[in-house]
Amino acid sequence: MTVTLHVEIWSDVVCPWCYIGKRRFERAVAEVDGEIDVEFVYRPYQLDPTAPIGTATPVTEVYARKFGGPERAERIFENVTGIAAGEGLDFRLDQALRGNTRDAHRLLWFAEQDAGPDVQAALKEQLLQAYFSDGLDVGDRDVLADRAAAAGLDRETVAAFLDGTDGADEVDEMLARAHEQGITAVPTYVIEDSWAIPGAQETDTFVQVLRRMAERRAPSGD
């Protein structure tokens, strides 16, 4: 019998390792397909919850302030861009705009509630691409609505949702739960609410852990 594993992926849409980890985890899920049914959802985490709402700042400036100057920021960009390229991702961090991601997480919550995990995952991909490859402000509600439509959601419904406050309390509760669970960095993959995998691990590592968890949950034979 196929074992089902439930995974919560805590991440932010402006986290480079979350995008890299997404690709590696997806390959792992594909590799165990047929032996393990991996059901996963995305949960919110904000790298910078104090980022001003309605304002976008070039990430080059953000990294220069955070990591000790533009030269240090450039080295970080080159390193992570090279790693991303190895996963088939086109990072253009020189164009990336950093803003507050709260509305993005509200929208991801809405996508799961309204259309299910598959559409939520498609939206997550759209938002990551918007930030890392397309130089778009994922704090802008028009950008969010456009990307939601590209993921299969109704744009007018999404725009109305974003103009309200639905999902705010739920996102706050999940952010608090991440803190309670000791999640201090992303991505973090929590399997069956009992085993946490921190960081963008290699695909083989994800495969090994998924199989180990599946063995633990498989019914024992007589």
N, C-alpha and C. Protein backbone atom coordinates (compact mmCIF):
# COMPACT_ATOMS: atom_id res chain seq x y z
N MET A 1 0.83 -1.20 0.00
CA MET A 1 0.00 0.00 0.00
C MET A 1 0.87 1.26 0.00
N THR A 2 0.41 2.27 -0.70
CA THR A 2 1.11 3.54 -0.72
C THR A 2 0.91 4.28 0.59
N VAL A 3 1.98 4.75 1.17
CA VAL A 3 1.93 5.52 2.41
C VAL A 3 1.74 6.99 2.06
N THR A 4 0.88 7.67 2.81
CA THR A 4 0.66 9.10 2.61
C THR A 4 1.39 9.88 3.70
N LEU A 5 2.14 10.88 3.29
CA LEU A 5 2.82 11.76 4.22
C LEU A 5 2.32 13.19 4.01
N HIS A 6 2.06 13.88 5.10
CA HIS A 6 1.63 15.27 5.05
C HIS A 6 2.82 16.16 5.43
N VAL A 7 3.08 17.17 4.60
CA VAL A 7 4.23 18.05 4.82
C VAL A 7 3.76 19.50 4.81
N GLU A 8 4.18 20.25 5.81
CA GLU A 8 3.99 21.68 5.83
C GLU A 8 5.32 22.34 5.50
N ILE A 9 5.32 23.22 4.49
CA ILE A 9 6.54 23.89 4.06
C ILE A 9 6.46 25.35 4.49
N TRP A 10 7.27 25.71 5.45
CA TRP A 10 7.31 27.08 5.95
C TRP A 10 8.32 27.86 5.13
N SER A 11 7.87 28.93 4.49
CA SER A 11 8.77 29.66 3.61
C SER A 11 8.25 31.06 3.34
N ASP A 12 9.10 31.87 2.72
CA ASP A 12 8.73 33.22 2.31
C ASP A 12 8.93 33.32 0.80
N VAL A 13 8.21 34.23 0.16
CA VAL A 13 8.29 34.35 -1.30
C VAL A 13 9.46 35.20 -1.75
N VAL A 14 10.24 35.73 -0.82
CA VAL A 14 11.44 36.49 -1.17
C VAL A 14 12.69 35.80 -0.65
N CYS A 15 12.58 34.51 -0.36
CA CYS A 15 13.69 33.73 0.18
C CYS A 15 14.32 32.90 -0.94
N PRO A 16 15.57 33.18 -1.33
CA PRO A 16 16.17 32.44 -2.44
C PRO A 16 16.27 30.95 -2.17
N TRP A 17 16.59 30.57 -0.93
CA TRP A 17 16.74 29.16 -0.63
C TRP A 17 15.39 28.45 -0.62
N CYS A 18 14.32 29.20 -0.43
CA CYS A 18 12.98 28.60 -0.51
C CYS A 18 12.66 28.19 -1.94
N TYR A 19 13.09 28.99 -2.91
CA TYR A 19 12.87 28.64 -4.31
C TYR A 19 13.76 27.48 -4.72
N ILE A 20 15.00 27.52 -4.31
CA ILE A 20 15.92 26.41 -4.60
C ILE A 20 15.41 25.13 -3.94
N GLY A 21 15.00 25.25 -2.67
CA GLY A 21 14.46 24.09 -1.97
C GLY A 21 13.20 23.55 -2.61
N LYS A 22 12.39 24.43 -3.15
CA LYS A 22 11.16 24.01 -3.83
C LYS A 22 11.49 23.07 -4.98
N ARG A 23 12.45 23.44 -5.79
CA ARG A 23 12.82 22.59 -6.91
C ARG A 23 13.36 21.24 -6.44
N ARG A 24 14.21 21.27 -5.44
CA ARG A 24 14.81 20.02 -4.95
C ARG A 24 13.75 19.12 -4.33
N PHE A 25 12.83 19.72 -3.56
CA PHE A 25 11.79 18.93 -2.92
C PHE A 25 10.84 18.36 -3.97
N GLU A 26 10.51 19.14 -4.99
CA GLU A 26 9.63 18.65 -6.06
C GLU A 26 10.23 17.42 -6.75
N ARG A 27 11.53 17.46 -6.98
CA ARG A 27 12.18 16.30 -7.60
C ARG A 27 12.12 15.09 -6.68
N ALA A 28 12.27 15.33 -5.39
CA ALA A 28 12.19 14.22 -4.44
C ALA A 28 10.79 13.61 -4.44
N VAL A 29 9.77 14.47 -4.45
CA VAL A 29 8.39 13.98 -4.49
C VAL A 29 8.15 13.15 -5.74
N ALA A 30 8.69 13.62 -6.88
CA ALA A 30 8.54 12.87 -8.13
C ALA A 30 9.26 11.53 -8.05
N GLU A 31 10.40 11.51 -7.37
CA GLU A 31 11.19 10.28 -7.30
C GLU A 31 10.49 9.20 -6.47
N VAL A 32 9.78 9.60 -5.42
CA VAL A 32 9.12 8.60 -4.57
C VAL A 32 7.68 8.35 -5.00
N ASP A 33 7.25 8.99 -6.08
CA ASP A 33 5.89 8.80 -6.56
C ASP A 33 5.63 7.32 -6.86
N GLY A 34 4.49 6.82 -6.39
CA GLY A 34 4.17 5.41 -6.56
C GLY A 34 4.43 4.60 -5.32
N GLU A 35 5.36 5.08 -4.47
CA GLU A 35 5.60 4.41 -3.20
C GLU A 35 5.17 5.27 -2.01
N ILE A 36 5.21 6.60 -2.19
CA ILE A 36 4.80 7.53 -1.14
C ILE A 36 3.94 8.61 -1.77
N ASP A 37 2.79 8.86 -1.19
CA ASP A 37 1.94 9.96 -1.63
C ASP A 37 2.23 11.16 -0.73
N VAL A 38 2.95 12.13 -1.26
CA VAL A 38 3.36 13.30 -0.48
C VAL A 38 2.36 14.43 -0.70
N GLU A 39 1.63 14.78 0.34
CA GLU A 39 0.70 15.91 0.28
C GLU A 39 1.33 17.08 1.03
N PHE A 40 1.48 18.22 0.36
CA PHE A 40 2.16 19.33 1.02
C PHE A 40 1.42 20.64 0.80
N VAL A 41 1.57 21.52 1.79
CA VAL A 41 0.99 22.85 1.73
C VAL A 41 2.07 23.85 2.17
N TYR A 42 1.89 25.09 1.73
CA TYR A 42 2.83 26.14 2.10
C TYR A 42 2.29 26.95 3.27
N ARG A 43 3.17 27.24 4.21
CA ARG A 43 2.84 28.02 5.39
C ARG A 43 3.69 29.29 5.42
N PRO A 44 3.19 30.34 6.07
CA PRO A 44 3.87 31.63 6.00
C PRO A 44 5.04 31.79 6.95
N TYR A 45 6.02 32.51 6.46
CA TYR A 45 7.14 32.97 7.28
C TYR A 45 7.61 34.27 6.65
N GLN A 46 7.86 35.28 7.45
CA GLN A 46 8.33 36.55 6.92
C GLN A 46 9.78 36.80 7.32
N LEU A 47 10.63 36.90 6.33
CA LEU A 47 12.03 37.22 6.60
C LEU A 47 12.16 38.61 7.19
N ASP A 48 11.31 39.52 6.75
CA ASP A 48 11.36 40.89 7.26
C ASP A 48 9.94 41.41 7.49
N PRO A 49 9.34 41.05 8.63
CA PRO A 49 7.97 41.49 8.91
C PRO A 49 7.86 42.99 9.11
N THR A 50 8.99 43.67 9.32
CA THR A 50 8.95 45.12 9.53
C THR A 50 9.06 45.91 8.21
N ALA A 51 9.21 45.21 7.09
CA ALA A 51 9.30 45.91 5.81
C ALA A 51 8.04 46.75 5.61
N PRO A 52 8.19 47.99 5.19
CA PRO A 52 7.03 48.87 5.04
C PRO A 52 6.06 48.36 3.98
N ILE A 53 4.78 48.45 4.29
CA ILE A 53 3.74 48.05 3.35
C ILE A 53 3.57 49.15 2.31
N GLY A 54 3.48 48.77 1.06
CA GLY A 54 3.27 49.74 -0.01
C GLY A 54 4.54 50.35 -0.56
N THR A 55 5.69 49.88 -0.09
CA THR A 55 6.97 50.40 -0.55
C THR A 55 7.87 49.25 -0.98
N ALA A 56 8.49 49.40 -2.12
CA ALA A 56 9.42 48.39 -2.61
C ALA A 56 10.82 48.98 -2.71
N THR A 57 11.80 48.23 -2.21
CA THR A 57 13.19 48.68 -2.22
C THR A 57 14.04 47.68 -3.01
N PRO A 58 14.93 48.15 -3.87
CA PRO A 58 15.81 47.21 -4.57
C PRO A 58 16.52 46.30 -3.58
N VAL A 59 16.49 45.01 -3.85
CA VAL A 59 17.08 44.07 -2.90
C VAL A 59 18.59 44.27 -2.81
N THR A 60 19.20 44.88 -3.83
CA THR A 60 20.62 45.19 -3.74
C THR A 60 20.91 46.11 -2.57
N GLU A 61 20.01 47.07 -2.33
CA GLU A 61 20.18 47.98 -1.20
C GLU A 61 19.94 47.25 0.12
N VAL A 62 18.93 46.39 0.14
CA VAL A 62 18.60 45.66 1.37
C VAL A 62 19.77 44.77 1.78
N TYR A 63 20.34 44.05 0.84
CA TYR A 63 21.44 43.15 1.15
C TYR A 63 22.71 43.91 1.52
N ALA A 64 22.94 45.04 0.88
CA ALA A 64 24.12 45.84 1.21
C ALA A 64 24.06 46.31 2.65
N ARG A 65 22.88 46.74 3.09
CA ARG A 65 22.72 47.17 4.48
C ARG A 65 22.85 46.00 5.44
N LYS A 66 22.30 44.88 5.07
CA LYS A 66 22.25 43.74 5.98
C LYS A 66 23.58 43.01 6.09
N PHE A 67 24.32 42.93 4.99
CA PHE A 67 25.50 42.07 4.96
C PHE A 67 26.83 42.82 4.85
N GLY A 68 26.80 44.14 5.02
CA GLY A 68 28.07 44.85 5.13
C GLY A 68 28.59 45.47 3.86
N GLY A 69 27.72 45.96 3.02
CA GLY A 69 28.16 46.71 1.85
C GLY A 69 27.83 46.06 0.53
N PRO A 70 27.90 46.83 -0.56
CA PRO A 70 27.52 46.33 -1.87
C PRO A 70 28.41 45.20 -2.40
N GLU A 71 29.69 45.24 -2.07
CA GLU A 71 30.57 44.18 -2.56
C GLU A 71 30.21 42.83 -1.95
N ARG A 72 29.94 42.86 -0.66
CA ARG A 72 29.53 41.62 0.02
C ARG A 72 28.19 41.14 -0.53
N ALA A 73 27.28 42.05 -0.77
CA ALA A 73 25.98 41.69 -1.33
C ALA A 73 26.14 41.06 -2.71
N GLU A 74 27.04 41.64 -3.51
CA GLU A 74 27.27 41.12 -4.86
C GLU A 74 27.81 39.70 -4.82
N ARG A 75 28.69 39.41 -3.89
CA ARG A 75 29.23 38.05 -3.77
C ARG A 75 28.13 37.07 -3.39
N ILE A 76 27.25 37.49 -2.49
CA ILE A 76 26.13 36.63 -2.10
C ILE A 76 25.23 36.38 -3.30
N PHE A 77 24.94 37.43 -4.06
CA PHE A 77 24.11 37.29 -5.25
C PHE A 77 24.73 36.29 -6.23
N GLU A 78 26.01 36.44 -6.49
CA GLU A 78 26.68 35.56 -7.45
C GLU A 78 26.62 34.11 -6.99
N ASN A 79 26.83 33.89 -5.70
CA ASN A 79 26.81 32.52 -5.18
C ASN A 79 25.44 31.89 -5.31
N VAL A 80 24.42 32.58 -4.83
CA VAL A 80 23.08 31.99 -4.83
C VAL A 80 22.52 31.90 -6.25
N THR A 81 22.89 32.85 -7.12
CA THR A 81 22.43 32.79 -8.51
C THR A 81 23.02 31.58 -9.23
N GLY A 82 24.28 31.28 -8.94
CA GLY A 82 24.92 30.11 -9.53
C GLY A 82 24.28 28.82 -9.06
N ILE A 83 23.97 28.74 -7.77
CA ILE A 83 23.32 27.54 -7.24
C ILE A 83 21.93 27.40 -7.84
N ALA A 84 21.20 28.51 -7.94
CA ALA A 84 19.86 28.48 -8.53
C ALA A 84 19.91 28.01 -9.98
N ALA A 85 20.90 28.48 -10.72
CA ALA A 85 21.03 28.07 -12.12
C ALA A 85 21.20 26.56 -12.24
N GLY A 86 21.88 25.98 -11.28
CA GLY A 86 22.05 24.53 -11.27
C GLY A 86 20.74 23.78 -11.06
N GLU A 87 19.74 24.48 -10.55
CA GLU A 87 18.41 23.90 -10.36
C GLU A 87 17.45 24.30 -11.47
N GLY A 88 17.99 24.99 -12.50
CA GLY A 88 17.15 25.41 -13.61
C GLY A 88 16.40 26.70 -13.37
N LEU A 89 16.85 27.49 -12.39
CA LEU A 89 16.18 28.74 -12.05
C LEU A 89 16.99 29.93 -12.53
N ASP A 90 16.31 30.93 -13.04
CA ASP A 90 16.95 32.13 -13.57
C ASP A 90 16.76 33.28 -12.58
N PHE A 91 17.72 33.45 -11.68
CA PHE A 91 17.66 34.52 -10.70
C PHE A 91 18.21 35.81 -11.32
N ARG A 92 17.45 36.89 -11.16
CA ARG A 92 17.91 38.20 -11.60
C ARG A 92 17.78 39.16 -10.41
N LEU A 93 18.63 38.93 -9.44
CA LEU A 93 18.52 39.68 -8.20
C LEU A 93 18.88 41.14 -8.35
N ASP A 94 19.56 41.50 -9.43
CA ASP A 94 19.85 42.91 -9.66
C ASP A 94 18.58 43.70 -9.96
N GLN A 95 17.49 42.98 -10.31
CA GLN A 95 16.22 43.63 -10.60
C GLN A 95 15.18 43.45 -9.49
N ALA A 96 15.48 42.59 -8.52
CA ALA A 96 14.48 42.21 -7.52
C ALA A 96 14.11 43.37 -6.61
N LEU A 97 12.84 43.42 -6.24
CA LEU A 97 12.31 44.47 -5.38
C LEU A 97 11.79 43.85 -4.09
N ARG A 98 12.29 44.31 -2.96
CA ARG A 98 11.90 43.77 -1.66
C ARG A 98 10.80 44.63 -1.05
N GLY A 99 9.71 43.97 -0.70
CA GLY A 99 8.61 44.65 -0.02
C GLY A 99 8.05 43.75 1.07
N ASN A 100 6.98 44.19 1.69
CA ASN A 100 6.34 43.39 2.73
C ASN A 100 5.56 42.24 2.08
N THR A 101 5.70 41.05 2.61
CA THR A 101 5.09 39.87 1.99
C THR A 101 3.80 39.41 2.68
N ARG A 102 3.26 40.23 3.55
CA ARG A 102 2.07 39.82 4.30
C ARG A 102 0.89 39.51 3.36
N ASP A 103 0.62 40.39 2.40
CA ASP A 103 -0.49 40.14 1.49
C ASP A 103 -0.24 38.89 0.65
N ALA A 104 1.00 38.66 0.29
CA ALA A 104 1.32 37.45 -0.47
C ALA A 104 0.96 36.20 0.33
N HIS A 105 1.24 36.22 1.63
CA HIS A 105 0.90 35.07 2.47
C HIS A 105 -0.61 34.96 2.68
N ARG A 106 -1.29 36.10 2.79
CA ARG A 106 -2.75 36.05 2.84
C ARG A 106 -3.31 35.40 1.58
N LEU A 107 -2.75 35.76 0.45
CA LEU A 107 -3.22 35.22 -0.82
C LEU A 107 -2.94 33.72 -0.92
N LEU A 108 -1.78 33.29 -0.47
CA LEU A 108 -1.48 31.85 -0.47
C LEU A 108 -2.44 31.09 0.44
N TRP A 109 -2.81 31.69 1.56
CA TRP A 109 -3.83 31.08 2.44
C TRP A 109 -5.14 30.97 1.68
N PHE A 110 -5.54 32.05 1.00
CA PHE A 110 -6.78 32.05 0.25
C PHE A 110 -6.77 30.97 -0.84
N ALA A 111 -5.66 30.85 -1.54
CA ALA A 111 -5.56 29.86 -2.62
C ALA A 111 -5.79 28.45 -2.10
N GLU A 112 -5.19 28.14 -0.95
CA GLU A 112 -5.39 26.81 -0.38
C GLU A 112 -6.85 26.61 0.01
N GLN A 113 -7.45 27.60 0.66
CA GLN A 113 -8.83 27.48 1.11
C GLN A 113 -9.80 27.41 -0.07
N ASP A 114 -9.55 28.21 -1.09
CA ASP A 114 -10.49 28.34 -2.19
C ASP A 114 -10.34 27.24 -3.23
N ALA A 115 -9.10 26.83 -3.49
CA ALA A 115 -8.87 25.93 -4.63
C ALA A 115 -8.01 24.72 -4.31
N GLY A 116 -7.43 24.66 -3.12
CA GLY A 116 -6.67 23.48 -2.74
C GLY A 116 -5.17 23.62 -2.89
N PRO A 117 -4.43 22.64 -2.39
CA PRO A 117 -2.96 22.71 -2.36
C PRO A 117 -2.30 22.80 -3.73
N ASP A 118 -2.88 22.17 -4.74
CA ASP A 118 -2.24 22.21 -6.06
C ASP A 118 -2.23 23.63 -6.63
N VAL A 119 -3.34 24.33 -6.49
CA VAL A 119 -3.40 25.70 -6.97
C VAL A 119 -2.52 26.59 -6.10
N GLN A 120 -2.50 26.31 -4.80
CA GLN A 120 -1.62 27.08 -3.92
C GLN A 120 -0.17 26.92 -4.37
N ALA A 121 0.23 25.70 -4.71
CA ALA A 121 1.60 25.46 -5.17
C ALA A 121 1.88 26.19 -6.48
N ALA A 122 0.89 26.22 -7.37
CA ALA A 122 1.06 26.95 -8.63
C ALA A 122 1.21 28.45 -8.37
N LEU A 123 0.44 28.96 -7.42
CA LEU A 123 0.56 30.37 -7.05
C LEU A 123 1.92 30.65 -6.42
N LYS A 124 2.38 29.76 -5.57
CA LYS A 124 3.70 29.93 -4.95
C LYS A 124 4.77 30.06 -6.03
N GLU A 125 4.70 29.22 -7.04
CA GLU A 125 5.64 29.28 -8.14
C GLU A 125 5.56 30.63 -8.86
N GLN A 126 4.35 31.10 -9.10
CA GLN A 126 4.16 32.38 -9.77
C GLN A 126 4.77 33.53 -8.97
N LEU A 127 4.59 33.50 -7.66
CA LEU A 127 5.11 34.59 -6.83
C LEU A 127 6.63 34.55 -6.74
N LEU A 128 7.19 33.38 -6.63
CA LEU A 128 8.65 33.26 -6.60
C LEU A 128 9.25 33.73 -7.92
N GLN A 129 8.63 33.34 -9.02
CA GLN A 129 9.13 33.77 -10.32
C GLN A 129 9.01 35.28 -10.47
N ALA A 130 7.90 35.83 -9.99
CA ALA A 130 7.71 37.28 -10.08
C ALA A 130 8.83 38.03 -9.38
N TYR A 131 9.21 37.54 -8.21
CA TYR A 131 10.23 38.23 -7.43
C TYR A 131 11.64 37.97 -7.96
N PHE A 132 11.97 36.70 -8.18
CA PHE A 132 13.36 36.37 -8.48
C PHE A 132 13.74 36.53 -9.95
N SER A 133 12.78 36.41 -10.85
CA SER A 133 13.11 36.44 -12.27
C SER A 133 12.54 37.64 -13.01
N ASP A 134 11.40 38.15 -12.56
CA ASP A 134 10.69 39.16 -13.34
C ASP A 134 10.80 40.57 -12.79
N GLY A 135 11.44 40.76 -11.65
CA GLY A 135 11.64 42.09 -11.09
C GLY A 135 10.37 42.78 -10.67
N LEU A 136 9.37 42.00 -10.24
CA LEU A 136 8.08 42.57 -9.84
C LEU A 136 7.96 42.68 -8.32
N ASP A 137 7.14 43.59 -7.88
CA ASP A 137 6.92 43.84 -6.46
C ASP A 137 5.80 42.92 -5.96
N VAL A 138 6.17 41.88 -5.21
CA VAL A 138 5.17 40.93 -4.73
C VAL A 138 4.41 41.45 -3.52
N GLY A 139 4.65 42.72 -3.16
CA GLY A 139 3.83 43.39 -2.18
C GLY A 139 2.73 44.22 -2.82
N ASP A 140 2.76 44.33 -4.14
CA ASP A 140 1.78 45.11 -4.88
C ASP A 140 0.55 44.25 -5.17
N ARG A 141 -0.62 44.75 -4.85
CA ARG A 141 -1.83 43.93 -4.97
C ARG A 141 -2.22 43.65 -6.42
N ASP A 142 -1.89 44.56 -7.32
CA ASP A 142 -2.15 44.29 -8.73
C ASP A 142 -1.26 43.15 -9.23
N VAL A 143 0.00 43.16 -8.83
CA VAL A 143 0.90 42.06 -9.19
C VAL A 143 0.38 40.75 -8.62
N LEU A 144 -0.04 40.77 -7.37
CA LEU A 144 -0.56 39.56 -6.73
C LEU A 144 -1.78 39.03 -7.47
N ALA A 145 -2.69 39.93 -7.83
CA ALA A 145 -3.90 39.51 -8.54
C ALA A 145 -3.57 38.93 -9.91
N ASP A 146 -2.62 39.55 -10.61
CA ASP A 146 -2.21 39.03 -11.92
C ASP A 146 -1.62 37.64 -11.79
N ARG A 147 -0.77 37.46 -10.81
CA ARG A 147 -0.12 36.16 -10.63
C ARG A 147 -1.11 35.09 -10.16
N ALA A 148 -2.08 35.50 -9.37
CA ALA A 148 -3.13 34.57 -8.95
C ALA A 148 -3.93 34.10 -10.16
N ALA A 149 -4.24 35.03 -11.07
CA ALA A 149 -4.97 34.66 -12.29
C ALA A 149 -4.14 33.68 -13.13
N ALA A 150 -2.83 33.91 -13.18
CA ALA A 150 -1.97 33.00 -13.93
C ALA A 150 -1.93 31.61 -13.32
N ALA A 151 -2.20 31.54 -12.02
CA ALA A 151 -2.21 30.25 -11.33
C ALA A 151 -3.58 29.57 -11.40
N GLY A 152 -4.55 30.25 -11.99
CA GLY A 152 -5.86 29.63 -12.15
C GLY A 152 -6.97 30.18 -11.29
N LEU A 153 -6.69 31.20 -10.50
CA LEU A 153 -7.72 31.82 -9.66
C LEU A 153 -8.40 32.96 -10.42
N ASP A 154 -9.60 33.30 -10.00
CA ASP A 154 -10.33 34.39 -10.62
C ASP A 154 -9.77 35.72 -10.15
N ARG A 155 -9.34 36.56 -11.11
CA ARG A 155 -8.65 37.78 -10.74
C ARG A 155 -9.54 38.74 -9.95
N GLU A 156 -10.79 38.91 -10.36
CA GLU A 156 -11.67 39.84 -9.66
C GLU A 156 -11.94 39.39 -8.24
N THR A 157 -12.12 38.09 -8.05
CA THR A 157 -12.33 37.55 -6.71
C THR A 157 -11.10 37.80 -5.84
N VAL A 158 -9.93 37.58 -6.41
CA VAL A 158 -8.68 37.79 -5.67
C VAL A 158 -8.51 39.26 -5.32
N ALA A 159 -8.79 40.15 -6.26
CA ALA A 159 -8.64 41.58 -6.00
C ALA A 159 -9.54 42.02 -4.86
N ALA A 160 -10.76 41.51 -4.85
CA ALA A 160 -11.70 41.85 -3.77
C ALA A 160 -11.20 41.30 -2.44
N PHE A 161 -10.65 40.10 -2.47
CA PHE A 161 -10.10 39.50 -1.25
C PHE A 161 -8.94 40.34 -0.71
N LEU A 162 -8.05 40.75 -1.57
CA LEU A 162 -6.87 41.51 -1.14
C LEU A 162 -7.26 42.87 -0.58
N ASP A 163 -8.35 43.44 -1.07
CA ASP A 163 -8.80 44.74 -0.57
C ASP A 163 -9.43 44.64 0.82
N GLY A 164 -9.74 43.42 1.26
CA GLY A 164 -10.32 43.23 2.58
C GLY A 164 -9.26 42.80 3.59
N THR A 165 -9.71 42.17 4.65
CA THR A 165 -8.80 41.73 5.72
C THR A 165 -8.88 40.23 5.97
N ASP A 166 -9.66 39.51 5.18
CA ASP A 166 -9.77 38.07 5.37
C ASP A 166 -8.39 37.42 5.27
N GLY A 167 -8.18 36.43 6.11
CA GLY A 167 -6.92 35.70 6.10
C GLY A 167 -5.85 36.30 6.99
N ALA A 168 -6.04 37.54 7.42
CA ALA A 168 -5.00 38.19 8.24
C ALA A 168 -4.82 37.48 9.58
N ASP A 169 -5.93 37.18 10.24
CA ASP A 169 -5.83 36.50 11.54
C ASP A 169 -5.23 35.12 11.37
N GLU A 170 -5.62 34.42 10.31
CA GLU A 170 -5.11 33.07 10.09
C GLU A 170 -3.60 33.10 9.82
N VAL A 171 -3.15 34.08 9.05
CA VAL A 171 -1.72 34.20 8.79
C VAL A 171 -0.97 34.51 10.09
N ASP A 172 -1.53 35.40 10.89
CA ASP A 172 -0.89 35.72 12.18
C ASP A 172 -0.79 34.48 13.07
N GLU A 173 -1.84 33.68 13.08
CA GLU A 173 -1.82 32.47 13.90
C GLU A 173 -0.75 31.50 13.42
N MET A 174 -0.61 31.37 12.10
CA MET A 174 0.41 30.46 11.58
C MET A 174 1.82 30.99 11.82
N LEU A 175 1.99 32.30 11.71
CA LEU A 175 3.30 32.88 12.03
C LEU A 175 3.66 32.64 13.50
N ALA A 176 2.66 32.75 14.37
CA ALA A 176 2.89 32.47 15.79
C ALA A 176 3.21 31.00 16.00
N ARG A 177 2.55 30.13 15.26
CA ARG A 177 2.81 28.69 15.39
C ARG A 177 4.23 28.36 14.96
N ALA A 178 4.69 29.00 13.90
CA ALA A 178 6.08 28.78 13.46
C ALA A 178 7.04 29.14 14.59
N HIS A 179 6.78 30.26 15.26
CA HIS A 179 7.63 30.68 16.38
C HIS A 179 7.57 29.65 17.50
N GLU A 180 6.38 29.17 17.81
CA GLU A 180 6.21 28.19 18.89
C GLU A 180 6.92 26.88 18.57
N GLN A 181 7.00 26.54 17.29
CA GLN A 181 7.65 25.30 16.89
C GLN A 181 9.16 25.46 16.74
N GLY A 182 9.66 26.66 17.01
CA GLY A 182 11.10 26.88 16.95
C GLY A 182 11.64 27.07 15.55
N ILE A 183 10.77 27.43 14.61
CA ILE A 183 11.23 27.67 13.25
C ILE A 183 11.78 29.09 13.17
N THR A 184 13.07 29.19 12.93
CA THR A 184 13.74 30.49 12.91
C THR A 184 14.39 30.79 11.56
N ALA A 185 14.30 29.87 10.63
CA ALA A 185 14.87 30.06 9.30
C ALA A 185 14.06 29.24 8.31
N VAL A 186 14.11 29.68 7.07
CA VAL A 186 13.36 28.98 6.04
C VAL A 186 14.24 28.72 4.82
N PRO A 187 13.86 27.67 4.05
CA PRO A 187 12.66 26.86 4.22
C PRO A 187 12.83 25.83 5.34
N THR A 188 11.71 25.45 5.93
CA THR A 188 11.67 24.35 6.88
C THR A 188 10.50 23.45 6.48
N TYR A 189 10.78 22.15 6.38
CA TYR A 189 9.79 21.17 5.95
C TYR A 189 9.41 20.31 7.16
N VAL A 190 8.16 20.39 7.58
CA VAL A 190 7.71 19.63 8.75
C VAL A 190 6.84 18.48 8.27
N ILE A 191 7.32 17.27 8.49
CA ILE A 191 6.63 16.07 8.02
C ILE A 191 5.81 15.47 9.16
N GLU A 192 4.51 15.30 8.89
CA GLU A 192 3.60 14.69 9.85
C GLU A 192 3.67 15.36 11.22
N ASP A 193 3.95 16.63 11.22
CA ASP A 193 3.98 17.43 12.45
C ASP A 193 4.97 16.88 13.47
N SER A 194 5.97 16.11 13.00
CA SER A 194 6.87 15.47 13.96
C SER A 194 8.33 15.51 13.56
N TRP A 195 8.63 15.74 12.29
CA TRP A 195 10.01 15.70 11.84
C TRP A 195 10.27 16.92 10.97
N ALA A 196 11.19 17.76 11.39
CA ALA A 196 11.49 18.98 10.66
C ALA A 196 12.79 18.83 9.88
N ILE A 197 12.75 19.22 8.62
CA ILE A 197 13.94 19.25 7.77
C ILE A 197 14.27 20.72 7.51
N PRO A 198 15.34 21.23 8.07
CA PRO A 198 15.68 22.65 7.84
C PRO A 198 16.50 22.83 6.58
N GLY A 199 16.21 23.90 5.86
CA GLY A 199 17.06 24.29 4.75
C GLY A 199 16.73 23.61 3.43
N ALA A 200 17.35 24.14 2.37
CA ALA A 200 17.16 23.61 1.02
C ALA A 200 18.10 22.43 0.82
N GLN A 201 17.71 21.29 1.39
CA GLN A 201 18.55 20.10 1.32
C GLN A 201 18.65 19.59 -0.12
N GLU A 202 19.64 18.78 -0.36
CA GLU A 202 19.76 18.14 -1.67
C GLU A 202 18.58 17.18 -1.87
N THR A 203 18.26 16.94 -3.12
CA THR A 203 17.13 16.06 -3.42
C THR A 203 17.29 14.68 -2.78
N ASP A 204 18.48 14.12 -2.81
CA ASP A 204 18.70 12.80 -2.23
C ASP A 204 18.39 12.80 -0.74
N THR A 205 18.69 13.88 -0.06
CA THR A 205 18.40 13.96 1.38
C THR A 205 16.89 13.95 1.61
N PHE A 206 16.17 14.74 0.82
CA PHE A 206 14.71 14.72 0.94
C PHE A 206 14.17 13.32 0.70
N VAL A 207 14.66 12.65 -0.32
CA VAL A 207 14.19 11.30 -0.64
C VAL A 207 14.44 10.36 0.53
N GLN A 208 15.62 10.42 1.11
CA GLN A 208 15.95 9.53 2.22
C GLN A 208 15.03 9.76 3.41
N VAL A 209 14.78 11.03 3.74
CA VAL A 209 13.94 11.33 4.89
C VAL A 209 12.50 10.92 4.63
N LEU A 210 11.99 11.18 3.44
CA LEU A 210 10.62 10.78 3.11
C LEU A 210 10.46 9.26 3.21
N ARG A 211 11.42 8.53 2.71
CA ARG A 211 11.34 7.07 2.78
C ARG A 211 11.45 6.57 4.22
N ARG A 212 12.27 7.22 5.00
CA ARG A 212 12.41 6.82 6.41
C ARG A 212 11.10 7.07 7.16
N MET A 213 10.49 8.22 6.92
CA MET A 213 9.21 8.51 7.56
C MET A 213 8.12 7.57 7.08
N ALA A 214 8.13 7.24 5.80
CA ALA A 214 7.13 6.32 5.27
C ALA A 214 7.27 4.94 5.90
N GLU A 215 8.50 4.50 6.13
CA GLU A 215 8.73 3.20 6.76
C GLU A 215 8.18 3.20 8.18
N ARG A 216 8.33 4.30 8.87
CA ARG A 216 7.82 4.40 10.24
C ARG A 216 6.30 4.36 10.31
N ARG A 217 5.66 4.89 9.25
CA ARG A 217 4.21 5.00 9.26
C ARG A 217 3.52 3.84 8.56
N ALA A 218 4.28 3.03 7.87
CA ALA A 218 3.68 1.90 7.15
C ALA A 218 3.15 0.88 8.14
N PRO A 219 1.97 0.32 7.87
CA PRO A 219 1.43 -0.72 8.76
C PRO A 219 2.35 -1.93 8.78
N SER A 220 2.60 -2.45 9.96
CA SER A 220 3.49 -3.61 10.08
C SER A 220 2.76 -4.87 9.65
N GLY A 221 3.45 -5.71 8.95
CA GLY A 221 2.84 -6.98 8.51
C GLY A 221 2.93 -8.04 9.60
N ASP A 222 2.11 -9.04 9.47
CA ASP A 222 2.12 -10.15 10.44
C ASP A 222 3.23 -11.14 10.09
